[in-house]
Amino acid sequence: MKEVVIIPAHNERETIAEVIGKIPRADDNATVDVVVLDDASDDGTGEVAEAQGAKVLRSRKRLGLGRQFQKGLDEALRLGAGVVVNIDADMQYDPRQIPELIEPIIRGEADIVLGSRFAGSIEHMRPTKRLGNRLLTFLVNRLSGTSLSDAQTGFRAFSREAAARINVLSSYTYTQEVIIQASYKGLKIVEVPITFRTRRGKSRLISSLSEYAFEAVLTVLLTYLNYRPLRVFSLLGLALGLLGLAIGSRPMIQYVVTGHVSPYLPSALLSALLILLGFMMLVVAVLAEMTRSNRKFIEDLLFREKYRLDD
């Protein structure tokens, strides 16, 4: 079985050689290819990676972590990967733990394996970042029906089928989107404990914690909306309709008793507007569900095409 390790990198010259050098090379039954996704680095990251024997895919302008990850999955499939591993280029994750990460996939027990920092050991993580990780993981679990301990980990392994089924739309991040997609596509996700080390210097892929939090939450909500539009818009329409009926109850009673609603005209107008908006949300729910069905059909076609990219 071929194993392909993809490494998104932006200006990681100091650590990229160490990451590549510590990736365990395969035994007689498998081979390992390393693909570095150079996200417009200007410090020679790509050249260092090539000197270490890695294949480098360079981008002339910053694409973002999400797009680089999807690019890496597609390249791994083209190379004939049976297992795809994603690891960061900053040595916070230990490449020597890759065999432990992919073992559940090799045994046929999982489609996606996440290296959990919180189930393993963490050398250092700021309290605000730790709290943010916990809150985002809670949100992802609630929306995807999973019970994970670390939804933001960048140390992940994918079976060939899982890699072919994932279609990342976000450009900023991919970690939460992949879990929600995988859950609704019936892919089995498991976690293994890993070691998380202190980073040398500041993160170059994620420059602002607040920006990351905003983009991550937005990605989670939009991804959920893509896969559950009928539920979201139906509940929204129902809530607006009930609110409109509640506000309109007094004007309605006034009309029944007196034959006019003049004292409550603003409430009557607001009630009518909310009920109309509620009905429109129900129409949107039906249209969005039809769009989701078409998207599922297209994704199935993409899966068949990507699954045999190495033919």
Foldseek 3Di string as FASTA:
>chain_A
DEEEEEEEDAQLQPQQLVQLVQQDADDPVYGYAYEYEYQCHDNCNQVSNVVSVHHYDYDNHGQADLVSVLVRLLVCLQVVHQKYKYDYRQCQFGNNCVCVQCVCVVVVNFFKEAADAVVADEPDDDPVRVVLQQVLVVLLCVLLVDDDRGQQGRTMMGGLLLSQLDDGDDRHDCRSLSSNSCSLVVGGYYYDYGYGYDGDDDDPSDRDPVVCSVSSVVSNVVSSCLRQVLVVLLVQLVVLLVVLCVLCVVLVVVCVVPVGRVVSVVSPVSSVVSNVVSVVSNVVSVVSVVVSVVVVVVSVVSSVCSSVSND
